Amino acid sequence: MFTTLGVTPEMVADLIVADDRDRPRSKQRRVGPSGLGTPCQRKLGYQILDVDRVNTSDPLAAWIGTAGHASLERILNGHPDWLTETRVELPGYNITGTSDAFHLPSGTVVDWKFAGVAAMKKAKTAGADPQYRIQAHLYGYGMTIQGHNVNRVAIVYIPRSGLSSGIHIWSEPYDESVVEQTMRRYEAITTVAEQLGPASLGTAEAFCSWCPWWKPNATDLAVSCPGHIDVPATRVGQPQEEAEEKAGAA
């Protein structure tokens, strides 16, 4: 007979959940560059108003991504061609964020994304996720404010499973008009959220069941949302890979 091991899957999961709960990005509540490009106006409205979260998603994918970011920061730290983990600010908005990396010789802002199979496939066939694209340009703007010559922005997709040969890079010239459009949208959403509340804001499919304010059959839209098309409760705890597969099929 096999004897029961002292280490259980639940024990390891608890360690990861506890560690993720303590990381700075998990504690962040203010709007940052990574959230400004969300297609869902209501989601952004909740964050602007600092509405309490009602939904907690599985942290494993984000935890793996954080570990990967830390490794790349270690690799690039002190390299003459690279700046890493640079704090940037959007002047006049009290919005700050951290740019993953900046390649000095080419003037390229780089954002690392650790992606599942479906997300990798989508990036290779359809290009960068619009939210990621906006995030990269916002970081680009933050770097220009600091006096850097920004020529391009890039999203580096690193597969969470597979080989290093599967790494994919999306890139385009830096465009300040993307920043201007994003900030005008942010101003408009802020005005509606503050004057009329989140219920007055439109929704869009943005992995609803992973949204911190998603609640099945929610009726009080001031504090929670049932989803863009009333996402069924059976999707609670849906694996990230399944969510990415749905996105990839869209």
C-alpha atoms as a PDB file:
ATOM      1  CA  MET A   1       0.000   0.000   0.000  1.00  0.00           C
ATOM      2  CA  PHE A   2       1.056   3.579  -0.617  1.00  0.00           C
ATOM      3  CA  THR A   3       1.469   5.753   2.406  1.00  0.00           C
ATOM      4  CA  THR A   4      -0.027   9.243   2.475  1.00  0.00           C
ATOM      5  CA  LEU A   5       2.577  11.917   1.879  1.00  0.00           C
ATOM      6  CA  GLY A   6       2.903  14.736   4.366  1.00  0.00           C
ATOM      7  CA  VAL A   7       2.693  17.289   1.552  1.00  0.00           C
ATOM      8  CA  THR A   8      -0.679  17.706  -0.142  1.00  0.00           C
ATOM      9  CA  PRO A   9      -1.794  19.664  -3.221  1.00  0.00           C
ATOM     10  CA  GLU A  10      -3.891  21.849  -0.941  1.00  0.00           C
ATOM     11  CA  MET A  11      -0.851  22.681   1.148  1.00  0.00           C
ATOM     12  CA  VAL A  12       1.109  23.847  -1.891  1.00  0.00           C
ATOM     13  CA  ALA A  13      -1.894  25.782  -3.212  1.00  0.00           C
ATOM     14  CA  ASP A  14      -2.276  27.547   0.128  1.00  0.00           C
ATOM     15  CA  LEU A  15       1.372  28.623  -0.003  1.00  0.00           C
ATOM     16  CA  ILE A  16       0.906  30.120  -3.471  1.00  0.00           C
ATOM     17  CA  VAL A  17      -2.357  31.858  -2.554  1.00  0.00           C
ATOM     18  CA  ALA A  18      -0.805  33.364   0.588  1.00  0.00           C
ATOM     19  CA  ASP A  19       2.273  34.540  -1.302  1.00  0.00           C
ATOM     20  CA  ASP A  20       0.162  36.083  -4.072  1.00  0.00           C
ATOM     21  CA  ARG A  21      -1.990  37.878  -1.504  1.00  0.00           C
ATOM     22  CA  ASP A  22       1.103  39.594  -0.108  1.00  0.00           C
ATOM     23  CA  ARG A  23       2.603  40.774  -3.395  1.00  0.00           C
ATOM     24  CA  PRO A  24       2.302  44.514  -4.152  1.00  0.00           C
ATOM     25  CA  ARG A  25       0.295  44.101  -7.362  1.00  0.00           C
ATOM     26  CA  SER A  26      -2.342  42.061  -5.524  1.00  0.00           C
ATOM     27  CA  LYS A  27      -2.719  44.866  -2.981  1.00  0.00           C
ATOM     28  CA  GLN A  28      -2.886  47.599  -5.615  1.00  0.00           C
ATOM     29  CA  ARG A  29      -6.287  49.284  -5.707  1.00  0.00           C
ATOM     30  CA  ARG A  30      -5.642  52.481  -7.664  1.00  0.00           C
ATOM     31  CA  VAL A  31      -6.069  52.603 -11.415  1.00  0.00           C
ATOM     32  CA  GLY A  32      -2.802  51.980 -13.244  1.00  0.00           C
ATOM     33  CA  PRO A  33      -1.705  51.835 -16.893  1.00  0.00           C
ATOM     34  CA  SER A  34      -2.481  48.111 -17.022  1.00  0.00           C
ATOM     35  CA  GLY A  35      -6.172  48.727 -16.330  1.00  0.00           C
ATOM     36  CA  LEU A  36      -6.865  51.871 -18.350  1.00  0.00           C
ATOM     37  CA  GLY A  37      -7.281  49.950 -21.594  1.00  0.00           C
ATOM     38  CA  THR A  38      -9.945  47.531 -20.378  1.00  0.00           C
ATOM     39  CA  PRO A  39     -12.819  47.453 -22.886  1.00  0.00           C
ATOM     40  CA  CYS A  40     -15.323  47.356 -20.005  1.00  0.00           C
ATOM     41  CA  GLN A  41     -16.253  50.873 -18.881  1.00  0.00           C
ATOM     42  CA  ARG A  42     -18.051  49.622 -15.766  1.00  0.00           C
ATOM     43  CA  LYS A  43     -15.021  47.638 -14.594  1.00  0.00           C
ATOM     44  CA  LEU A  44     -12.878  50.756 -14.868  1.00  0.00           C
ATOM     45  CA  GLY A  45     -15.598  52.741 -13.078  1.00  0.00           C
ATOM     46  CA  TYR A  46     -15.551  50.363 -10.111  1.00  0.00           C
ATOM     47  CA  GLN A  47     -11.806  50.768  -9.829  1.00  0.00           C
ATOM     48  CA  ILE A  48     -11.962  54.548 -10.136  1.00  0.00           C
ATOM     49  CA  LEU A  49     -14.478  54.651  -7.278  1.00  0.00           C
ATOM     50  CA  ASP A  50     -12.461  52.106  -5.249  1.00  0.00           C
ATOM     51  CA  VAL A  51     -15.482  49.818  -4.838  1.00  0.00           C
ATOM     52  CA  ASP A  52     -14.779  46.789  -2.622  1.00  0.00           C
ATOM     53  CA  ARG A  53     -13.992  43.608  -4.543  1.00  0.00           C
ATOM     54  CA  VAL A  54     -16.541  40.794  -4.387  1.00  0.00           C
ATOM     55  CA  ASN A  55     -14.856  38.125  -6.536  1.00  0.00           C
ATOM     56  CA  THR A  56     -11.500  36.426  -6.038  1.00  0.00           C
ATOM     57  CA  SER A  57     -10.013  34.458  -8.942  1.00  0.00           C
ATOM     58  CA  ASP A  58      -7.381  31.750  -8.844  1.00  0.00           C
ATOM     59  CA  PRO A  59      -3.951  33.432  -8.590  1.00  0.00           C
ATOM     60  CA  LEU A  60      -1.744  30.760 -10.178  1.00  0.00           C
ATOM     61  CA  ALA A  61      -1.343  32.318 -13.641  1.00  0.00           C
ATOM     62  CA  ALA A  62      -0.594  35.757 -12.185  1.00  0.00           C
ATOM     63  CA  TRP A  63       1.762  34.231  -9.624  1.00  0.00           C
ATOM     64  CA  ILE A  64       3.748  32.477 -12.366  1.00  0.00           C
ATOM     65  CA  GLY A  65       3.865  35.742 -14.301  1.00  0.00           C
ATOM     66  CA  THR A  66       5.195  37.601 -11.270  1.00  0.00           C
ATOM     67  CA  ALA A  67       7.942  35.027 -10.826  1.00  0.00           C
ATOM     68  CA  GLY A  68       8.874  35.355 -14.497  1.00  0.00           C
ATOM     69  CA  HIS A  69       9.006  39.149 -14.243  1.00  0.00           C
ATOM     70  CA  ALA A  70      11.283  38.902 -11.228  1.00  0.00           C
ATOM     71  CA  SER A  71      13.659  36.601 -13.112  1.00  0.00           C
ATOM     72  CA  LEU A  72      13.843  38.921 -16.114  1.00  0.00           C
ATOM     73  CA  GLU A  73      14.450  41.881 -13.817  1.00  0.00           C
ATOM     74  CA  ARG A  74      17.356  39.955 -12.256  1.00  0.00           C
ATOM     75  CA  ILE A  75      18.777  39.135 -15.694  1.00  0.00           C
ATOM     76  CA  LEU A  76      18.598  42.718 -16.980  1.00  0.00           C
ATOM     77  CA  ASN A  77      19.527  44.566 -13.803  1.00  0.00           C
ATOM     78  CA  GLY A  78      22.765  46.448 -14.444  1.00  0.00           C
ATOM     79  CA  HIS A  79      22.897  45.585 -18.162  1.00  0.00           C
ATOM     80  CA  PRO A  80      24.122  48.674 -20.063  1.00  0.00           C
ATOM     81  CA  ASP A  81      21.536  48.274 -22.838  1.00  0.00           C
ATOM     82  CA  TRP A  82      18.511  47.933 -20.585  1.00  0.00           C
ATOM     83  CA  LEU A  83      16.486  49.736 -17.945  1.00  0.00           C
ATOM     84  CA  THR A  84      14.203  47.525 -15.899  1.00  0.00           C
ATOM     85  CA  GLU A  85      11.215  48.044 -13.607  1.00  0.00           C
ATOM     86  CA  THR A  86      11.090  51.804 -14.180  1.00  0.00           C
ATOM     87  CA  ARG A  87       8.479  53.733 -12.233  1.00  0.00           C
ATOM     88  CA  VAL A  88       6.474  56.010 -14.544  1.00  0.00           C
ATOM     89  CA  GLU A  89       3.754  58.599 -13.980  1.00  0.00           C
ATOM     90  CA  LEU A  90       0.996  60.107 -16.123  1.00  0.00           C
ATOM     91  CA  PRO A  91       1.215  63.796 -15.192  1.00  0.00           C
ATOM     92  CA  GLY A  92      -1.966  65.456 -13.979  1.00  0.00           C
ATOM     93  CA  TYR A  93      -3.805  62.194 -13.295  1.00  0.00           C
ATOM     94  CA  ASN A  94      -2.025  60.821 -10.226  1.00  0.00           C
ATOM     95  CA  ILE A  95      -1.658  57.551 -12.121  1.00  0.00           C
ATOM     96  CA  THR A  96       1.573  55.628 -11.755  1.00  0.00           C
ATOM     97  CA  GLY A  97       2.866  52.286 -12.948  1.00  0.00           C
ATOM     98  CA  THR A  98       6.000  50.265 -13.544  1.00  0.00           C
ATOM     99  CA  SER A  99       7.385  49.722 -17.019  1.00  0.00           C
ATOM    100  CA  ASP A 100       8.863  46.223 -17.275  1.00  0.00           C
ATOM    101  CA  ALA A 101      11.851  47.082 -19.444  1.00  0.00           C
ATOM    102  CA  PHE A 102      13.295  49.645 -21.835  1.00  0.00           C
ATOM    103  CA  HIS A 103      15.829  48.764 -24.520  1.00  0.00           C
ATOM    104  CA  LEU A 104      18.062  51.829 -24.787  1.00  0.00           C
ATOM    105  CA  PRO A 105      19.761  51.222 -28.173  1.00  0.00           C
ATOM    106  CA  SER A 106      16.442  50.875 -30.033  1.00  0.00           C
ATOM    107  CA  GLY A 107      14.298  53.081 -27.801  1.00  0.00           C
ATOM    108  CA  THR A 108      11.799  50.259 -27.278  1.00  0.00           C
ATOM    109  CA  VAL A 109       9.442  49.939 -24.320  1.00  0.00           C
ATOM    110  CA  VAL A 110       8.980  46.241 -23.534  1.00  0.00           C
ATOM    111  CA  ASP A 111       6.190  44.590 -21.561  1.00  0.00           C
ATOM    112  CA  TRP A 112       6.485  40.922 -20.636  1.00  0.00           C
ATOM    113  CA  LYS A 113       3.419  38.675 -20.852  1.00  0.00           C
ATOM    114  CA  PHE A 114       3.472  35.043 -19.763  1.00  0.00           C
ATOM    115  CA  ALA A 115       0.727  33.501 -21.853  1.00  0.00           C
ATOM    116  CA  GLY A 116      -1.156  30.250 -22.152  1.00  0.00           C
ATOM    117  CA  VAL A 117      -1.573  28.273 -25.364  1.00  0.00           C
ATOM    118  CA  ALA A 118      -4.667  30.079 -26.629  1.00  0.00           C
ATOM    119  CA  ALA A 119      -3.306  33.536 -25.812  1.00  0.00           C
ATOM    120  CA  MET A 120      -0.071  32.721 -27.645  1.00  0.00           C
ATOM    121  CA  LYS A 121      -1.990  31.563 -30.688  1.00  0.00           C
ATOM    122  CA  LYS A 122      -4.187  34.668 -30.678  1.00  0.00           C
ATOM    123  CA  ALA A 123      -1.196  36.995 -30.370  1.00  0.00           C
ATOM    124  CA  LYS A 124       0.496  35.352 -33.343  1.00  0.00           C
ATOM    125  CA  THR A 125      -2.600  35.509 -35.556  1.00  0.00           C
ATOM    126  CA  ALA A 126      -4.428  38.650 -34.405  1.00  0.00           C
ATOM    127  CA  GLY A 127      -1.713  40.768 -32.834  1.00  0.00           C
ATOM    128  CA  ALA A 128      -1.544  42.270 -29.383  1.00  0.00           C
ATOM    129  CA  ASP A 129      -4.559  42.379 -27.113  1.00  0.00           C
ATOM    130  CA  PRO A 130      -5.887  45.977 -27.335  1.00  0.00           C
ATOM    131  CA  GLN A 131      -5.600  46.426 -23.566  1.00  0.00           C
ATOM    132  CA  TYR A 132      -1.941  45.344 -23.645  1.00  0.00           C
ATOM    133  CA  ARG A 133      -1.300  47.664 -26.605  1.00  0.00           C
ATOM    134  CA  ILE A 134      -2.687  50.660 -24.731  1.00  0.00           C
ATOM    135  CA  GLN A 135      -0.687  49.728 -21.637  1.00  0.00           C
ATOM    136  CA  ALA A 136       2.540  49.672 -23.661  1.00  0.00           C
ATOM    137  CA  HIS A 137       1.920  53.122 -25.160  1.00  0.00           C
ATOM    138  CA  LEU A 138       1.122  54.556 -21.718  1.00  0.00           C
ATOM    139  CA  TYR A 139       4.445  53.233 -20.461  1.00  0.00           C
ATOM    140  CA  GLY A 140       6.054  54.751 -23.540  1.00  0.00           C
ATOM    141  CA  TYR A 141       4.606  58.127 -22.642  1.00  0.00           C
ATOM    142  CA  GLY A 142       5.858  57.778 -19.082  1.00  0.00           C
ATOM    143  CA  MET A 143       9.355  57.075 -20.372  1.00  0.00           C
ATOM    144  CA  THR A 144       9.294  60.107 -22.672  1.00  0.00           C
ATOM    145  CA  ILE A 145       8.365  62.284 -19.692  1.00  0.00           C
ATOM    146  CA  GLN A 146      11.586  61.096 -18.076  1.00  0.00           C
ATOM    147  CA  GLY A 147      13.569  62.246 -21.113  1.00  0.00           C
ATOM    148  CA  HIS A 148      13.995  58.931 -22.933  1.00  0.00           C
ATOM    149  CA  ASN A 149      13.765  58.732 -26.707  1.00  0.00           C
ATOM    150  CA  VAL A 150      10.925  56.238 -27.243  1.00  0.00           C
ATOM    151  CA  ASN A 151      10.649  54.892 -30.784  1.00  0.00           C
ATOM    152  CA  ARG A 152       8.662  51.679 -30.387  1.00  0.00           C
ATOM    153  CA  VAL A 153       6.549  49.685 -27.964  1.00  0.00           C
ATOM    154  CA  ALA A 154       6.627  45.897 -27.765  1.00  0.00           C
ATOM    155  CA  ILE A 155       4.740  43.088 -26.066  1.00  0.00           C
ATOM    156  CA  VAL A 156       6.888  39.999 -25.547  1.00  0.00           C
ATOM    157  CA  TYR A 157       4.716  36.898 -25.229  1.00  0.00           C
ATOM    158  CA  ILE A 158       6.519  34.124 -23.367  1.00  0.00           C
ATOM    159  CA  PRO A 159       4.720  30.756 -23.346  1.00  0.00           C
ATOM    160  CA  ARG A 160       3.840  29.365 -19.927  1.00  0.00           C
ATOM    161  CA  SER A 161       4.194  25.930 -21.497  1.00  0.00           C
ATOM    162  CA  GLY A 162       6.323  24.961 -24.470  1.00  0.00           C
ATOM    163  CA  LEU A 163       9.775  26.018 -25.608  1.00  0.00           C
ATOM    164  CA  SER A 164      11.746  29.245 -25.682  1.00  0.00           C
ATOM    165  CA  SER A 165      11.586  29.029 -29.464  1.00  0.00           C
ATOM    166  CA  GLY A 166       7.882  29.811 -29.086  1.00  0.00           C
ATOM    167  CA  ILE A 167       8.477  33.320 -27.757  1.00  0.00           C
ATOM    168  CA  HIS A 168       6.569  35.856 -29.849  1.00  0.00           C
ATOM    169  CA  ILE A 169       7.068  39.631 -30.067  1.00  0.00           C
ATOM    170  CA  TRP A 170       4.451  42.128 -31.216  1.00  0.00           C
ATOM    171  CA  SER A 171       5.733  45.649 -31.844  1.00  0.00           C
ATOM    172  CA  GLU A 172       4.707  48.944 -33.419  1.00  0.00           C
ATOM    173  CA  PRO A 173       5.943  52.564 -33.469  1.00  0.00           C
ATOM    174  CA  TYR A 174       5.198  54.574 -30.347  1.00  0.00           C
ATOM    175  CA  ASP A 175       2.095  56.724 -30.933  1.00  0.00           C
ATOM    176  CA  GLU A 176       1.196  59.477 -28.470  1.00  0.00           C
ATOM    177  CA  SER A 177      -2.299  59.741 -29.960  1.00  0.00           C
ATOM    178  CA  VAL A 178      -3.079  56.365 -28.352  1.00  0.00           C
ATOM    179  CA  VAL A 179      -2.277  57.936 -24.996  1.00  0.00           C
ATOM    180  CA  GLU A 180      -4.431  61.004 -25.717  1.00  0.00           C
ATOM    181  CA  GLN A 181      -7.441  58.899 -26.704  1.00  0.00           C
ATOM    182  CA  THR A 182      -7.044  56.668 -23.656  1.00  0.00           C
ATOM    183  CA  MET A 183      -6.878  59.574 -21.219  1.00  0.00           C
ATOM    184  CA  ARG A 184      -9.904  61.317 -22.787  1.00  0.00           C
ATOM    185  CA  ARG A 185     -11.837  58.081 -22.332  1.00  0.00           C
ATOM    186  CA  TYR A 186     -10.625  57.828 -18.736  1.00  0.00           C
ATOM    187  CA  GLU A 187     -11.789  61.384 -18.030  1.00  0.00           C
ATOM    188  CA  ALA A 188     -15.240  60.680 -19.496  1.00  0.00           C
ATOM    189  CA  ILE A 189     -15.660  57.424 -17.552  1.00  0.00           C
ATOM    190  CA  THR A 190     -14.525  59.136 -14.353  1.00  0.00           C
ATOM    191  CA  THR A 191     -17.143  61.865 -14.799  1.00  0.00           C
ATOM    192  CA  VAL A 192     -19.971  59.375 -15.352  1.00  0.00           C
ATOM    193  CA  ALA A 193     -18.842  57.090 -12.519  1.00  0.00           C
ATOM    194  CA  GLU A 194     -18.597  59.917 -10.008  1.00  0.00           C
ATOM    195  CA  GLN A 195     -21.829  61.666 -10.995  1.00  0.00           C
ATOM    196  CA  LEU A 196     -24.111  58.774 -11.965  1.00  0.00           C
ATOM    197  CA  GLY A 197     -22.444  55.643 -10.576  1.00  0.00           C
ATOM    198  CA  PRO A 198     -21.121  52.441 -12.199  1.00  0.00           C
ATOM    199  CA  ALA A 199     -24.602  51.277 -13.262  1.00  0.00           C
ATOM    200  CA  SER A 200     -24.624  54.047 -15.878  1.00  0.00           C
ATOM    201  CA  LEU A 201     -21.483  52.734 -17.541  1.00  0.00           C
ATOM    202  CA  GLY A 202     -21.472  50.275 -20.406  1.00  0.00           C
ATOM    203  CA  THR A 203     -20.011  46.770 -20.254  1.00  0.00           C
ATOM    204  CA  ALA A 204     -17.912  44.665 -22.598  1.00  0.00           C
ATOM    205  CA  GLU A 205     -16.611  41.113 -22.526  1.00  0.00           C
ATOM    206  CA  ALA A 206     -13.366  41.241 -20.569  1.00  0.00           C
ATOM    207  CA  PHE A 207     -13.074  37.809 -18.934  1.00  0.00           C
ATOM    208  CA  CYS A 208     -16.075  38.729 -16.787  1.00  0.00           C
ATOM    209  CA  SER A 209     -15.848  35.795 -14.390  1.00  0.00           C
ATOM    210  CA  TRP A 210     -12.328  36.932 -13.487  1.00  0.00           C
ATOM    211  CA  CYS A 211     -13.402  40.506 -12.781  1.00  0.00           C
ATOM    212  CA  PRO A 212     -13.083  41.537  -9.107  1.00  0.00           C
ATOM    213  CA  TRP A 213     -16.622  42.975  -9.279  1.00  0.00           C
ATOM    214  CA  TRP A 214     -18.358  40.065 -10.978  1.00  0.00           C
ATOM    215  CA  LYS A 215     -21.221  38.495  -9.039  1.00  0.00           C
ATOM    216  CA  PRO A 216     -23.708  36.033 -10.575  1.00  0.00           C
ATOM    217  CA  ASN A 217     -27.198  37.520 -10.917  1.00  0.00           C
ATOM    218  CA  ALA A 218     -26.082  40.797  -9.340  1.00  0.00           C
ATOM    219  CA  THR A 219     -28.853  43.404  -9.085  1.00  0.00           C
ATOM    220  CA  ASP A 220     -27.136  46.259  -7.235  1.00  0.00           C
ATOM    221  CA  LEU A 221     -24.844  47.515  -9.975  1.00  0.00           C
ATOM    222  CA  ALA A 222     -23.338  50.093  -7.640  1.00  0.00           C
ATOM    223  CA  VAL A 223     -21.297  47.344  -5.979  1.00  0.00           C
ATOM    224  CA  SER A 224     -21.189  44.360  -8.389  1.00  0.00           C
ATOM    225  CA  CYS A 225     -21.992  43.269 -11.936  1.00  0.00           C
ATOM    226  CA  PRO A 226     -23.555  40.091 -13.416  1.00  0.00           C
ATOM    227  CA  GLY A 227     -21.258  40.314 -16.419  1.00  0.00           C
ATOM    228  CA  HIS A 228     -21.529  41.610 -19.944  1.00  0.00           C
ATOM    229  CA  ILE A 229     -24.076  38.948 -20.894  1.00  0.00           C
ATOM    230  CA  ASP A 230     -25.004  37.736 -17.398  1.00  0.00           C
ATOM    231  CA  VAL A 231     -22.116  35.265 -17.073  1.00  0.00           C
ATOM    232  CA  PRO A 232     -23.413  31.999 -15.539  1.00  0.00           C
ATOM    233  CA  ALA A 233     -22.297  31.010 -12.056  1.00  0.00           C
ATOM    234  CA  THR A 234     -20.827  27.777 -13.423  1.00  0.00           C
ATOM    235  CA  ARG A 235     -17.887  29.829 -14.716  1.00  0.00           C
ATOM    236  CA  VAL A 236     -16.727  30.690 -11.192  1.00  0.00           C
ATOM    237  CA  GLY A 237     -13.232  29.305 -10.739  1.00  0.00           C
ATOM    238  CA  GLN A 238     -12.980  28.670 -14.466  1.00  0.00           C
ATOM    239  CA  PRO A 239      -9.368  27.755 -15.301  1.00  0.00           C
ATOM    240  CA  GLN A 240      -7.430  30.594 -16.918  1.00  0.00           C
ATOM    241  CA  GLU A 241      -6.566  28.413 -19.892  1.00  0.00           C
ATOM    242  CA  GLU A 242     -10.269  27.829 -20.561  1.00  0.00           C
ATOM    243  CA  ALA A 243     -10.891  31.559 -20.393  1.00  0.00           C
ATOM    244  CA  GLU A 244      -8.053  32.131 -22.842  1.00  0.00           C
ATOM    245  CA  GLU A 245      -9.455  29.455 -25.166  1.00  0.00           C
ATOM    246  CA  LYS A 246     -12.775  31.302 -25.259  1.00  0.00           C
ATOM    247  CA  ALA A 247     -10.988  34.555 -25.964  1.00  0.00           C
ATOM    248  CA  GLY A 248      -8.952  32.892 -28.681  1.00  0.00           C
ATOM    249  CA  ALA A 249     -12.109  31.630 -30.346  1.00  0.00           C
ATOM    250  CA  ALA A 250     -13.708  35.081 -30.375  1.00  0.00           C
END
